[in-house]
Amino acid sequence: MDPDIVIPVFLFGGTAVVLWKFLDDRHRERMIIIEKGLVKEDLKYLYAAGSRPAHPLSSLKYGMLAAFIGMGILVSAFLSRVFWDSAEQVTAGIIFLSAGLGLITYYSIAKKRLEEERLALAVKE
């Protein structure tokens, strides 16, 4: 068989089998819960461990990360055209550096906002 055909077949077939098994197991678990007659509160308690409330600043984190990575790509494209002929390592380094700077900036903003919220709660009490 041609390896150009076998690899995608196994890749997509394996993904489909894993997804099918996951959904089938989840369905069986829910059917067992229904058969045992658990009430709605029991279901909330059962699935509460897997779900976490969304952090209010998570969209800020991902937005800043994407923006800094985009700026890193632009800076590396500019620098590679101006100063270097081929700069694959420099491009990867600048992208990771800018992603790290974005996360550090997010941390400082989040820390400041959390301190402001704590002070606001302390004033209310």
PDB file of N, CA and C in Angstrom:
ATOM      1  N   MET A   1       0.833  -1.189   0.000  1.00  0.00           N
ATOM      2  CA  MET A   1       0.000   0.000   0.000  1.00  0.00           C
ATOM      3  C   MET A   1       0.877   1.252   0.000  1.00  0.00           C
ATOM      4  N   ASP A   2       0.323   2.282  -0.556  1.00  0.00           N
ATOM      5  CA  ASP A   2       1.029   3.544  -0.652  1.00  0.00           C
ATOM      6  C   ASP A   2       1.014   4.251   0.717  1.00  0.00           C
ATOM      7  N   PRO A   3       2.174   4.632   1.264  1.00  0.00           N
ATOM      8  CA  PRO A   3       2.194   5.285   2.572  1.00  0.00           C
ATOM      9  C   PRO A   3       1.488   6.643   2.583  1.00  0.00           C
ATOM     10  N   ASP A   4       1.371   7.264   1.419  1.00  0.00           N
ATOM     11  CA  ASP A   4       0.665   8.544   1.369  1.00  0.00           C
ATOM     12  C   ASP A   4      -0.828   8.381   1.621  1.00  0.00           C
ATOM     13  N   ILE A   5      -1.346   7.181   1.453  1.00  0.00           N
ATOM     14  CA  ILE A   5      -2.763   6.926   1.695  1.00  0.00           C
ATOM     15  C   ILE A   5      -2.971   6.292   3.063  1.00  0.00           C
ATOM     16  N   VAL A   6      -2.064   5.429   3.479  1.00  0.00           N
ATOM     17  CA  VAL A   6      -2.221   4.692   4.725  1.00  0.00           C
ATOM     18  C   VAL A   6      -2.158   5.616   5.937  1.00  0.00           C
ATOM     19  N   ILE A   7      -1.239   6.547   5.940  1.00  0.00           N
ATOM     20  CA  ILE A   7      -1.064   7.421   7.096  1.00  0.00           C
ATOM     21  C   ILE A   7      -2.318   8.262   7.366  1.00  0.00           C
ATOM     22  N   PRO A   8      -2.904   8.948   6.393  1.00  0.00           N
ATOM     23  CA  PRO A   8      -4.129   9.708   6.689  1.00  0.00           C
ATOM     24  C   PRO A   8      -5.293   8.816   7.103  1.00  0.00           C
ATOM     25  N   VAL A   9      -5.381   7.620   6.518  1.00  0.00           N
ATOM     26  CA  VAL A   9      -6.477   6.719   6.893  1.00  0.00           C
ATOM     27  C   VAL A   9      -6.352   6.341   8.364  1.00  0.00           C
ATOM     28  N   PHE A  10      -5.156   5.958   8.795  1.00  0.00           N
ATOM     29  CA  PHE A  10      -4.966   5.593  10.191  1.00  0.00           C
ATOM     30  C   PHE A  10      -5.111   6.807  11.109  1.00  0.00           C
ATOM     31  N   LEU A  11      -4.678   7.964  10.676  1.00  0.00           N
ATOM     32  CA  LEU A  11      -4.804   9.166  11.487  1.00  0.00           C
ATOM     33  C   LEU A  11      -6.267   9.507  11.733  1.00  0.00           C
ATOM     34  N   PHE A  12      -7.042   9.606  10.660  1.00  0.00           N
ATOM     35  CA  PHE A  12      -8.449   9.952  10.823  1.00  0.00           C
ATOM     36  C   PHE A  12      -9.245   8.799  11.431  1.00  0.00           C
ATOM     37  N   GLY A  13      -8.892   7.569  11.084  1.00  0.00           N
ATOM     38  CA  GLY A  13      -9.571   6.416  11.670  1.00  0.00           C
ATOM     39  C   GLY A  13      -9.318   6.325  13.165  1.00  0.00           C
ATOM     40  N   GLY A  14      -8.078   6.535  13.581  1.00  0.00           N
ATOM     41  CA  GLY A  14      -7.755   6.501  15.008  1.00  0.00           C
ATOM     42  C   GLY A  14      -8.453   7.607  15.774  1.00  0.00           C
ATOM     43  N   THR A  15      -8.509   8.792  15.195  1.00  0.00           N
ATOM     44  CA  THR A  15      -9.215   9.906  15.825  1.00  0.00           C
ATOM     45  C   THR A  15     -10.696   9.591  15.958  1.00  0.00           C
ATOM     46  N   ALA A  16     -11.284   9.002  14.932  1.00  0.00           N
ATOM     47  CA  ALA A  16     -12.705   8.657  14.971  1.00  0.00           C
ATOM     48  C   ALA A  16     -12.980   7.599  16.033  1.00  0.00           C
ATOM     49  N   VAL A  17     -12.111   6.603  16.165  1.00  0.00           N
ATOM     50  CA  VAL A  17     -12.310   5.547  17.167  1.00  0.00           C
ATOM     51  C   VAL A  17     -12.210   6.121  18.576  1.00  0.00           C
ATOM     52  N   VAL A  18     -11.228   6.982  18.821  1.00  0.00           N
ATOM     53  CA  VAL A  18     -11.081   7.579  20.148  1.00  0.00           C
ATOM     54  C   VAL A  18     -12.286   8.444  20.476  1.00  0.00           C
ATOM     55  N   LEU A  19     -12.742   9.248  19.544  1.00  0.00           N
ATOM     56  CA  LEU A  19     -13.912  10.088  19.768  1.00  0.00           C
ATOM     57  C   LEU A  19     -15.160   9.249  19.998  1.00  0.00           C
ATOM     58  N   TRP A  20     -15.343   8.204  19.209  1.00  0.00           N
ATOM     59  CA  TRP A  20     -16.496   7.324  19.378  1.00  0.00           C
ATOM     60  C   TRP A  20     -16.479   6.657  20.753  1.00  0.00           C
ATOM     61  N   LYS A  21     -15.321   6.186  21.194  1.00  0.00           N
ATOM     62  CA  LYS A  21     -15.220   5.516  22.499  1.00  0.00           C
ATOM     63  C   LYS A  21     -15.506   6.502  23.627  1.00  0.00           C
ATOM     64  N   PHE A  22     -15.011   7.720  23.516  1.00  0.00           N
ATOM     65  CA  PHE A  22     -15.272   8.731  24.537  1.00  0.00           C
ATOM     66  C   PHE A  22     -16.769   9.017  24.646  1.00  0.00           C
ATOM     67  N   LEU A  23     -17.424   9.244  23.520  1.00  0.00           N
ATOM     68  CA  LEU A  23     -18.853   9.548  23.535  1.00  0.00           C
ATOM     69  C   LEU A  23     -19.673   8.369  24.009  1.00  0.00           C
ATOM     70  N   ASP A  24     -19.281   7.146  23.639  1.00  0.00           N
ATOM     71  CA  ASP A  24     -19.998   5.951  24.073  1.00  0.00           C
ATOM     72  C   ASP A  24     -19.881   5.753  25.583  1.00  0.00           C
ATOM     73  N   ASP A  25     -18.701   5.965  26.135  1.00  0.00           N
ATOM     74  CA  ASP A  25     -18.531   5.826  27.582  1.00  0.00           C
ATOM     75  C   ASP A  25     -19.314   6.886  28.347  1.00  0.00           C
ATOM     76  N   ARG A  26     -19.339   8.094  27.830  1.00  0.00           N
ATOM     77  CA  ARG A  26     -20.108   9.155  28.477  1.00  0.00           C
ATOM     78  C   ARG A  26     -21.596   8.829  28.442  1.00  0.00           C
ATOM     79  N   HIS A  27     -22.069   8.276  27.330  1.00  0.00           N
ATOM     80  CA  HIS A  27     -23.477   7.893  27.216  1.00  0.00           C
ATOM     81  C   HIS A  27     -23.807   6.783  28.209  1.00  0.00           C
ATOM     82  N   ARG A  28     -22.941   5.779  28.305  1.00  0.00           N
ATOM     83  CA  ARG A  28     -23.179   4.687  29.262  1.00  0.00           C
ATOM     84  C   ARG A  28     -23.213   5.190  30.695  1.00  0.00           C
ATOM     85  N   GLU A  29     -22.320   6.098  31.037  1.00  0.00           N
ATOM     86  CA  GLU A  29     -22.298   6.665  32.389  1.00  0.00           C
ATOM     87  C   GLU A  29     -23.604   7.390  32.686  1.00  0.00           C
ATOM     88  N   ARG A  30     -24.072   8.154  31.750  1.00  0.00           N
ATOM     89  CA  ARG A  30     -25.333   8.883  31.962  1.00  0.00           C
ATOM     90  C   ARG A  30     -26.522   7.931  32.056  1.00  0.00           C
ATOM     91  N   MET A  31     -26.510   6.861  31.278  1.00  0.00           N
ATOM     92  CA  MET A  31     -27.601   5.888  31.360  1.00  0.00           C
ATOM     93  C   MET A  31     -27.617   5.191  32.727  1.00  0.00           C
ATOM     94  N   ILE A  32     -26.464   4.891  33.256  1.00  0.00           N
ATOM     95  CA  ILE A  32     -26.386   4.271  34.586  1.00  0.00           C
ATOM     96  C   ILE A  32     -26.909   5.227  35.647  1.00  0.00           C
ATOM     97  N   ILE A  33     -26.581   6.512  35.525  1.00  0.00           N
ATOM     98  CA  ILE A  33     -27.075   7.506  36.479  1.00  0.00           C
ATOM     99  C   ILE A  33     -28.590   7.601  36.405  1.00  0.00           C
ATOM    100  N   ILE A  34     -29.147   7.570  35.210  1.00  0.00           N
ATOM    101  CA  ILE A  34     -30.600   7.642  35.047  1.00  0.00           C
ATOM    102  C   ILE A  34     -31.256   6.391  35.607  1.00  0.00           C
ATOM    103  N   GLU A  35     -30.665   5.208  35.354  1.00  0.00           N
ATOM    104  CA  GLU A  35     -31.231   3.959  35.856  1.00  0.00           C
ATOM    105  C   GLU A  35     -31.240   3.903  37.377  1.00  0.00           C
ATOM    106  N   LYS A  36     -30.234   4.491  38.021  1.00  0.00           N
ATOM    107  CA  LYS A  36     -30.181   4.501  39.484  1.00  0.00           C
ATOM    108  C   LYS A  36     -31.132   5.527  40.077  1.00  0.00           C
ATOM    109  N   GLY A  37     -31.669   6.404  39.265  1.00  0.00           N
ATOM    110  CA  GLY A  37     -32.658   7.368  39.727  1.00  0.00           C
ATOM    111  C   GLY A  37     -32.084   8.528  40.509  1.00  0.00           C
ATOM    112  N   LEU A  38     -30.893   8.928  40.184  1.00  0.00           N
ATOM    113  CA  LEU A  38     -30.308  10.075  40.872  1.00  0.00           C
ATOM    114  C   LEU A  38     -31.056  11.343  40.485  1.00  0.00           C
ATOM    115  N   VAL A  39     -31.244  12.220  41.454  1.00  0.00           N
ATOM    116  CA  VAL A  39     -31.976  13.452  41.192  1.00  0.00           C
ATOM    117  C   VAL A  39     -31.031  14.506  40.630  1.00  0.00           C
ATOM    118  N   LYS A  40     -31.600  15.637  40.237  1.00  0.00           N
ATOM    119  CA  LYS A  40     -30.845  16.698  39.579  1.00  0.00           C
ATOM    120  C   LYS A  40     -29.690  17.219  40.441  1.00  0.00           C
ATOM    121  N   GLU A  41     -29.905  17.362  41.755  1.00  0.00           N
ATOM    122  CA  GLU A  41     -28.847  17.853  42.627  1.00  0.00           C
ATOM    123  C   GLU A  41     -27.673  16.889  42.658  1.00  0.00           C
ATOM    124  N   ASP A  42     -27.969  15.583  42.608  1.00  0.00           N
ATOM    125  CA  ASP A  42     -26.895  14.599  42.594  1.00  0.00           C
ATOM    126  C   ASP A  42     -26.086  14.705  41.307  1.00  0.00           C
ATOM    127  N   LEU A  43     -26.742  14.994  40.220  1.00  0.00           N
ATOM    128  CA  LEU A  43     -26.026  15.150  38.962  1.00  0.00           C
ATOM    129  C   LEU A  43     -25.125  16.385  38.991  1.00  0.00           C
ATOM    130  N   LYS A  44     -25.611  17.469  39.578  1.00  0.00           N
ATOM    131  CA  LYS A  44     -24.787  18.660  39.679  1.00  0.00           C
ATOM    132  C   LYS A  44     -23.549  18.378  40.518  1.00  0.00           C
ATOM    133  N   TYR A  45     -23.725  17.670  41.612  1.00  0.00           N
ATOM    134  CA  TYR A  45     -22.593  17.336  42.477  1.00  0.00           C
ATOM    135  C   TYR A  45     -21.614  16.418  41.752  1.00  0.00           C
ATOM    136  N   LEU A  46     -22.142  15.490  40.963  1.00  0.00           N
ATOM    137  CA  LEU A  46     -21.304  14.529  40.263  1.00  0.00           C
ATOM    138  C   LEU A  46     -20.444  15.209  39.206  1.00  0.00           C
ATOM    139  N   TYR A  47     -20.997  16.156  38.473  1.00  0.00           N
ATOM    140  CA  TYR A  47     -20.262  16.809  37.391  1.00  0.00           C
ATOM    141  C   TYR A  47     -19.587  18.107  37.823  1.00  0.00           C
ATOM    142  N   ALA A  48     -19.756  18.522  39.059  1.00  0.00           N
ATOM    143  CA  ALA A  48     -19.151  19.770  39.519  1.00  0.00           C
ATOM    144  C   ALA A  48     -17.630  19.655  39.601  1.00  0.00           C
ATOM    145  N   ALA A  49     -17.114  18.468  39.858  1.00  0.00           N
ATOM    146  CA  ALA A  49     -15.661  18.308  39.987  1.00  0.00           C
ATOM    147  C   ALA A  49     -14.961  18.554  38.656  1.00  0.00           C
ATOM    148  N   GLY A  50     -15.597  18.254  37.536  1.00  0.00           N
ATOM    149  CA  GLY A  50     -14.975  18.418  36.234  1.00  0.00           C
ATOM    150  C   GLY A  50     -15.084  19.808  35.660  1.00  0.00           C
ATOM    151  N   SER A  51     -16.002  20.600  36.180  1.00  0.00           N
ATOM    152  CA  SER A  51     -16.190  21.934  35.612  1.00  0.00           C
ATOM    153  C   SER A  51     -15.742  22.987  36.612  1.00  0.00           C
ATOM    154  N   ARG A  52     -15.045  23.973  36.080  1.00  0.00           N
ATOM    155  CA  ARG A  52     -14.592  25.085  36.906  1.00  0.00           C
ATOM    156  C   ARG A  52     -15.239  26.355  36.401  1.00  0.00           C
ATOM    157  N   PRO A  53     -15.498  27.272  37.306  1.00  0.00           N
ATOM    158  CA  PRO A  53     -16.033  28.546  36.817  1.00  0.00           C
ATOM    159  C   PRO A  53     -14.975  29.280  36.003  1.00  0.00           C
ATOM    160  N   ALA A  54     -15.410  29.977  34.996  1.00  0.00           N
ATOM    161  CA  ALA A  54     -14.486  30.700  34.125  1.00  0.00           C
ATOM    162  C   ALA A  54     -13.857  31.858  34.885  1.00  0.00           C
ATOM    163  N   HIS A  55     -12.567  32.004  34.734  1.00  0.00           N
ATOM    164  CA  HIS A  55     -11.869  33.114  35.371  1.00  0.00           C
ATOM    165  C   HIS A  55     -12.217  34.395  34.629  1.00  0.00           C
ATOM    166  N   PRO A  56     -12.511  35.466  35.349  1.00  0.00           N
ATOM    167  CA  PRO A  56     -12.956  36.684  34.654  1.00  0.00           C
ATOM    168  C   PRO A  56     -11.890  37.316  33.755  1.00  0.00           C
ATOM    169  N   LEU A  57     -10.625  37.002  33.988  1.00  0.00           N
ATOM    170  CA  LEU A  57      -9.570  37.615  33.189  1.00  0.00           C
ATOM    171  C   LEU A  57      -8.985  36.651  32.157  1.00  0.00           C
ATOM    172  N   SER A  58      -9.606  35.491  31.943  1.00  0.00           N
ATOM    173  CA  SER A  58      -9.024  34.529  31.009  1.00  0.00           C
ATOM    174  C   SER A  58      -9.042  35.042  29.570  1.00  0.00           C
ATOM    175  N   SER A  59     -10.076  35.760  29.198  1.00  0.00           N
ATOM    176  CA  SER A  59     -10.103  36.290  27.831  1.00  0.00           C
ATOM    177  C   SER A  59      -9.034  37.368  27.649  1.00  0.00           C
ATOM    178  N   LEU A  60      -8.739  38.115  28.704  1.00  0.00           N
ATOM    179  CA  LEU A  60      -7.646  39.088  28.633  1.00  0.00           C
ATOM    180  C   LEU A  60      -6.319  38.375  28.414  1.00  0.00           C
ATOM    181  N   LYS A  61      -6.122  37.256  29.095  1.00  0.00           N
ATOM    182  CA  LYS A  61      -4.874  36.508  28.969  1.00  0.00           C
ATOM    183  C   LYS A  61      -4.688  36.004  27.544  1.00  0.00           C
ATOM    184  N   TYR A  62      -5.710  35.376  26.987  1.00  0.00           N
ATOM    185  CA  TYR A  62      -5.574  34.831  25.634  1.00  0.00           C
ATOM    186  C   TYR A  62      -5.487  35.936  24.581  1.00  0.00           C
ATOM    187  N   GLY A  63      -6.181  37.028  24.806  1.00  0.00           N
ATOM    188  CA  GLY A  63      -6.089  38.154  23.884  1.00  0.00           C
ATOM    189  C   GLY A  63      -4.708  38.775  23.886  1.00  0.00           C
ATOM    190  N   MET A  64      -4.146  38.959  25.074  1.00  0.00           N
ATOM    191  CA  MET A  64      -2.795  39.530  25.152  1.00  0.00           C
ATOM    192  C   MET A  64      -1.766  38.575  24.573  1.00  0.00           C
ATOM    193  N   LEU A  65      -1.939  37.280  24.819  1.00  0.00           N
ATOM    194  CA  LEU A  65      -1.017  36.297  24.272  1.00  0.00           C
ATOM    195  C   LEU A  65      -1.038  36.327  22.744  1.00  0.00           C
ATOM    196  N   ALA A  66      -2.237  36.354  22.176  1.00  0.00           N
ATOM    197  CA  ALA A  66      -2.351  36.401  20.712  1.00  0.00           C
ATOM    198  C   ALA A  66      -1.780  37.698  20.150  1.00  0.00           C
ATOM    199  N   ALA A  67      -2.043  38.813  20.821  1.00  0.00           N
ATOM    200  CA  ALA A  67      -1.533  40.095  20.341  1.00  0.00           C
ATOM    201  C   ALA A  67      -0.009  40.140  20.394  1.00  0.00           C
ATOM    202  N   PHE A  68       0.580  39.655  21.477  1.00  0.00           N
ATOM    203  CA  PHE A  68       2.037  39.684  21.584  1.00  0.00           C
ATOM    204  C   PHE A  68       2.681  38.714  20.599  1.00  0.00           C
ATOM    205  N   ILE A  69       2.066  37.549  20.381  1.00  0.00           N
ATOM    206  CA  ILE A  69       2.607  36.628  19.379  1.00  0.00           C
ATOM    207  C   ILE A  69       2.537  37.256  17.989  1.00  0.00           C
ATOM    208  N   GLY A  70       1.430  37.918  17.685  1.00  0.00           N
ATOM    209  CA  GLY A  70       1.305  38.612  16.400  1.00  0.00           C
ATOM    210  C   GLY A  70       2.348  39.695  16.234  1.00  0.00           C
ATOM    211  N   MET A  71       2.583  40.462  17.312  1.00  0.00           N
ATOM    212  CA  MET A  71       3.635  41.487  17.229  1.00  0.00           C
ATOM    213  C   MET A  71       5.008  40.842  17.064  1.00  0.00           C
ATOM    214  N   GLY A  72       5.227  39.699  17.711  1.00  0.00           N
ATOM    215  CA  GLY A  72       6.498  39.001  17.564  1.00  0.00           C
ATOM    216  C   GLY A  72       6.721  38.519  16.141  1.00  0.00           C
ATOM    217  N   ILE A  73       5.666  38.027  15.511  1.00  0.00           N
ATOM    218  CA  ILE A  73       5.777  37.583  14.120  1.00  0.00           C
ATOM    219  C   ILE A  73       6.086  38.770  13.206  1.00  0.00           C
ATOM    220  N   LEU A  74       5.408  39.894  13.429  1.00  0.00           N
ATOM    221  CA  LEU A  74       5.679  41.080  12.620  1.00  0.00           C
ATOM    222  C   LEU A  74       7.101  41.589  12.819  1.00  0.00           C
ATOM    223  N   VAL A  75       7.554  41.626  14.060  1.00  0.00           N
ATOM    224  CA  VAL A  75       8.914  42.095  14.337  1.00  0.00           C
ATOM    225  C   VAL A  75       9.933  41.158  13.711  1.00  0.00           C
ATOM    226  N   SER A  76       9.711  39.840  13.846  1.00  0.00           N
ATOM    227  CA  SER A  76      10.673  38.898  13.269  1.00  0.00           C
ATOM    228  C   SER A  76      10.680  38.967  11.740  1.00  0.00           C
ATOM    229  N   ALA A  77       9.522  39.192  11.121  1.00  0.00           N
ATOM    230  CA  ALA A  77       9.487  39.334   9.665  1.00  0.00           C
ATOM    231  C   ALA A  77      10.243  40.585   9.228  1.00  0.00           C
ATOM    232  N   PHE A  78      10.057  41.669   9.971  1.00  0.00           N
ATOM    233  CA  PHE A  78      10.763  42.906   9.649  1.00  0.00           C
ATOM    234  C   PHE A  78      12.270  42.732   9.833  1.00  0.00           C
ATOM    235  N   LEU A  79      12.673  42.154  10.953  1.00  0.00           N
ATOM    236  CA  LEU A  79      14.100  41.992  11.225  1.00  0.00           C
ATOM    237  C   LEU A  79      14.762  41.028  10.256  1.00  0.00           C
ATOM    238  N   SER A  80      14.049  39.966   9.869  1.00  0.00           N
ATOM    239  CA  SER A  80      14.650  39.007   8.941  1.00  0.00           C
ATOM    240  C   SER A  80      14.838  39.615   7.549  1.00  0.00           C
ATOM    241  N   ARG A  81      13.969  40.521   7.152  1.00  0.00           N
ATOM    242  CA  ARG A  81      14.133  41.164   5.838  1.00  0.00           C
ATOM    243  C   ARG A  81      15.204  42.254   5.864  1.00  0.00           C
ATOM    244  N   VAL A  82      15.321  42.928   6.992  1.00  0.00           N
ATOM    245  CA  VAL A  82      16.256  44.045   7.065  1.00  0.00           C
ATOM    246  C   VAL A  82      17.673  43.577   7.370  1.00  0.00           C
ATOM    247  N   PHE A  83      17.823  42.671   8.351  1.00  0.00           N
ATOM    248  CA  PHE A  83      19.156  42.348   8.842  1.00  0.00           C
ATOM    249  C   PHE A  83      19.683  40.981   8.425  1.00  0.00           C
ATOM    250  N   TRP A  84      18.818  39.958   8.307  1.00  0.00           N
ATOM    251  CA  TRP A  84      19.294  38.602   8.037  1.00  0.00           C
ATOM    252  C   TRP A  84      18.681  38.065   6.758  1.00  0.00           C
ATOM    253  N   ASP A  85      19.414  37.158   6.132  1.00  0.00           N
ATOM    254  CA  ASP A  85      18.878  36.520   4.935  1.00  0.00           C
ATOM    255  C   ASP A  85      17.946  35.369   5.295  1.00  0.00           C
ATOM    256  N   SER A  86      18.400  34.470   6.168  1.00  0.00           N
ATOM    257  CA  SER A  86      17.516  33.399   6.642  1.00  0.00           C
ATOM    258  C   SER A  86      17.597  33.373   8.148  1.00  0.00           C
ATOM    259  N   ALA A  87      16.460  33.515   8.795  1.00  0.00           N
ATOM    260  CA  ALA A  87      16.461  33.679  10.249  1.00  0.00           C
ATOM    261  C   ALA A  87      15.369  32.837  10.900  1.00  0.00           C
ATOM    262  N   GLU A  88      15.369  31.520  10.638  1.00  0.00           N
ATOM    263  CA  GLU A  88      14.339  30.674  11.230  1.00  0.00           C
ATOM    264  C   GLU A  88      14.473  30.615  12.740  1.00  0.00           C
ATOM    265  N   GLN A  89      15.710  30.501  13.245  1.00  0.00           N
ATOM    266  CA  GLN A  89      15.915  30.423  14.685  1.00  0.00           C
ATOM    267  C   GLN A  89      15.567  31.749  15.358  1.00  0.00           C
ATOM    268  N   VAL A  90      15.907  32.825  14.717  1.00  0.00           N
ATOM    269  CA  VAL A  90      15.597  34.129  15.284  1.00  0.00           C
ATOM    270  C   VAL A  90      14.086  34.347  15.307  1.00  0.00           C
ATOM    271  N   THR A  91      13.404  33.914  14.272  1.00  0.00           N
ATOM    272  CA  THR A  91      11.950  34.055  14.226  1.00  0.00           C
ATOM    273  C   THR A  91      11.296  33.289  15.355  1.00  0.00           C
ATOM    274  N   ALA A  92      11.700  32.035  15.565  1.00  0.00           N
ATOM    275  CA  ALA A  92      11.128  31.237  16.646  1.00  0.00           C
ATOM    276  C   ALA A  92      11.448  31.867  17.994  1.00  0.00           C
ATOM    277  N   GLY A  93      12.660  32.346  18.174  1.00  0.00           N
ATOM    278  CA  GLY A  93      13.038  32.974  19.434  1.00  0.00           C
ATOM    279  C   GLY A  93      12.243  34.223  19.734  1.00  0.00           C
ATOM    280  N   ILE A  94      12.045  35.049  18.731  1.00  0.00           N
ATOM    281  CA  ILE A  94      11.284  36.288  18.934  1.00  0.00           C
ATOM    282  C   ILE A  94       9.821  35.976  19.239  1.00  0.00           C
ATOM    283  N   ILE A  95       9.258  34.965  18.586  1.00  0.00           N
ATOM    284  CA  ILE A  95       7.861  34.600  18.850  1.00  0.00           C
ATOM    285  C   ILE A  95       7.705  34.118  20.288  1.00  0.00           C
ATOM    286  N   PHE A  96       8.598  33.238  20.748  1.00  0.00           N
ATOM    287  CA  PHE A  96       8.501  32.749  22.123  1.00  0.00           C
ATOM    288  C   PHE A  96       8.783  33.859  23.139  1.00  0.00           C
ATOM    289  N   LEU A  97       9.725  34.730  22.818  1.00  0.00           N
ATOM    290  CA  LEU A  97      10.021  35.854  23.703  1.00  0.00           C
ATOM    291  C   LEU A  97       8.817  36.777  23.833  1.00  0.00           C
ATOM    292  N   SER A  98       8.172  37.079  22.725  1.00  0.00           N
ATOM    293  CA  SER A  98       7.009  37.968  22.786  1.00  0.00           C
ATOM    294  C   SER A  98       5.830  37.290  23.485  1.00  0.00           C
ATOM    295  N   ALA A  99       5.668  35.976  23.321  1.00  0.00           N
ATOM    296  CA  ALA A  99       4.610  35.274  24.040  1.00  0.00           C
ATOM    297  C   ALA A  99       4.873  35.329  25.541  1.00  0.00           C
ATOM    298  N   GLY A 100       6.108  35.133  25.947  1.00  0.00           N
ATOM    299  CA  GLY A 100       6.455  35.240  27.360  1.00  0.00           C
ATOM    300  C   GLY A 100       6.224  36.638  27.904  1.00  0.00           C
ATOM    301  N   LEU A 101       6.592  37.646  27.130  1.00  0.00           N
ATOM    302  CA  LEU A 101       6.336  39.027  27.558  1.00  0.00           C
ATOM    303  C   LEU A 101       4.839  39.307  27.698  1.00  0.00           C
ATOM    304  N   GLY A 102       4.042  38.733  26.803  1.00  0.00           N
ATOM    305  CA  GLY A 102       2.594  38.895  26.897  1.00  0.00           C
ATOM    306  C   GLY A 102       2.036  38.273  28.164  1.00  0.00           C
ATOM    307  N   LEU A 103       2.513  37.080  28.516  1.00  0.00           N
ATOM    308  CA  LEU A 103       2.036  36.430  29.731  1.00  0.00           C
ATOM    309  C   LEU A 103       2.513  37.160  30.988  1.00  0.00           C
ATOM    310  N   ILE A 104       3.723  37.679  30.965  1.00  0.00           N
ATOM    311  CA  ILE A 104       4.212  38.452  32.110  1.00  0.00           C
ATOM    312  C   ILE A 104       3.402  39.740  32.261  1.00  0.00           C
ATOM    313  N   THR A 105       3.080  40.382  31.162  1.00  0.00           N
ATOM    314  CA  THR A 105       2.252  41.594  31.211  1.00  0.00           C
ATOM    315  C   THR A 105       0.860  41.264  31.744  1.00  0.00           C
ATOM    316  N   TYR A 106       0.288  40.148  31.290  1.00  0.00           N
ATOM    317  CA  TYR A 106      -1.011  39.725  31.806  1.00  0.00           C
ATOM    318  C   TYR A 106      -0.940  39.495  33.313  1.00  0.00           C
ATOM    319  N   TYR A 107       0.122  38.857  33.782  1.00  0.00           N
ATOM    320  CA  TYR A 107       0.257  38.572  35.199  1.00  0.00           C
ATOM    321  C   TYR A 107       0.270  39.864  36.008  1.00  0.00           C
ATOM    322  N   SER A 108       0.996  40.852  35.546  1.00  0.00           N
ATOM    323  CA  SER A 108       1.060  42.114  36.296  1.00  0.00           C
ATOM    324  C   SER A 108      -0.308  42.808  36.304  1.00  0.00           C
ATOM    325  N   ILE A 109      -1.024  42.775  35.198  1.00  0.00           N
ATOM    326  CA  ILE A 109      -2.359  43.390  35.153  1.00  0.00           C
ATOM    327  C   ILE A 109      -3.333  42.626  36.044  1.00  0.00           C
ATOM    328  N   ALA A 110      -3.298  41.294  35.974  1.00  0.00           N
ATOM    329  CA  ALA A 110      -4.215  40.481  36.782  1.00  0.00           C
ATOM    330  C   ALA A 110      -3.920  40.651  38.265  1.00  0.00           C
ATOM    331  N   LYS A 111      -2.653  40.699  38.627  1.00  0.00           N
ATOM    332  CA  LYS A 111      -2.282  40.878  40.031  1.00  0.00           C
ATOM    333  C   LYS A 111      -2.786  42.216  40.544  1.00  0.00           C
ATOM    334  N   LYS A 112      -2.641  43.260  39.747  1.00  0.00           N
ATOM    335  CA  LYS A 112      -3.108  44.586  40.147  1.00  0.00           C
ATOM    336  C   LYS A 112      -4.620  44.602  40.321  1.00  0.00           C
ATOM    337  N   ARG A 113      -5.343  43.988  39.401  1.00  0.00           N
ATOM    338  CA  ARG A 113      -6.814  43.962  39.505  1.00  0.00           C
ATOM    339  C   ARG A 113      -7.284  43.151  40.701  1.00  0.00           C
ATOM    340  N   LEU A 114      -6.624  42.032  40.982  1.00  0.00           N
ATOM    341  CA  LEU A 114      -7.009  41.229  42.143  1.00  0.00           C
ATOM    342  C   LEU A 114      -6.755  41.978  43.445  1.00  0.00           C
ATOM    343  N   GLU A 115      -5.657  42.727  43.506  1.00  0.00           N
ATOM    344  CA  GLU A 115      -5.394  43.536  44.697  1.00  0.00           C
ATOM    345  C   GLU A 115      -6.441  44.634  44.852  1.00  0.00           C
ATOM    346  N   GLU A 116      -6.867  45.242  43.745  1.00  0.00           N
ATOM    347  CA  GLU A 116      -7.913  46.259  43.805  1.00  0.00           C
ATOM    348  C   GLU A 116      -9.229  45.661  44.288  1.00  0.00           C
ATOM    349  N   GLU A 117      -9.558  44.448  43.827  1.00  0.00           N
ATOM    350  CA  GLU A 117     -10.785  43.790  44.275  1.00  0.00           C
ATOM    351  C   GLU A 117     -10.718  43.451  45.754  1.00  0.00           C
ATOM    352  N   ARG A 118      -9.569  42.999  46.233  1.00  0.00           N
ATOM    353  CA  ARG A 118      -9.422  42.695  47.662  1.00  0.00           C
ATOM    354  C   ARG A 118      -9.582  43.952  48.508  1.00  0.00           C
ATOM    355  N   LEU A 119      -9.008  45.058  48.039  1.00  0.00           N
ATOM    356  CA  LEU A 119      -9.156  46.307  48.779  1.00  0.00           C
ATOM    357  C   LEU A 119     -10.608  46.762  48.786  1.00  0.00           C
ATOM    358  N   ALA A 120     -11.306  46.595  47.666  1.00  0.00           N
ATOM    359  CA  ALA A 120     -12.709  46.984  47.602  1.00  0.00           C
ATOM    360  C   ALA A 120     -13.557  46.127  48.544  1.00  0.00           C
ATOM    361  N   LEU A 121     -13.249  44.836  48.641  1.00  0.00           N
ATOM    362  CA  LEU A 121     -13.978  43.966  49.563  1.00  0.00           C
ATOM    363  C   LEU A 121     -13.668  44.306  51.004  1.00  0.00           C
ATOM    364  N   ALA A 122     -12.418  44.677  51.292  1.00  0.00           N
ATOM    365  CA  ALA A 122     -12.038  45.026  52.642  1.00  0.00           C
ATOM    366  C   ALA A 122     -12.717  46.317  53.083  1.00  0.00           C
ATOM    367  N   VAL A 123     -12.906  47.253  52.161  1.00  0.00           N
ATOM    368  CA  VAL A 123     -13.572  48.523  52.491  1.00  0.00           C
ATOM    369  C   VAL A 123     -15.051  48.283  52.783  1.00  0.00           C
ATOM    370  N   LYS A 124     -15.678  47.359  52.042  1.00  0.00           N
ATOM    371  CA  LYS A 124     -17.103  47.072  52.243  1.00  0.00           C
ATOM    372  C   LYS A 124     -17.351  46.438  53.599  1.00  0.00           C
ATOM    373  N   GLU A 125     -16.397  45.662  54.095  1.00  0.00           N
ATOM    374  CA  GLU A 125     -16.578  44.991  55.380  1.00  0.00           C
ATOM    375  C   GLU A 125     -16.312  45.967  56.475  1.00  0.00           C
TER     376      GLU A 125
END
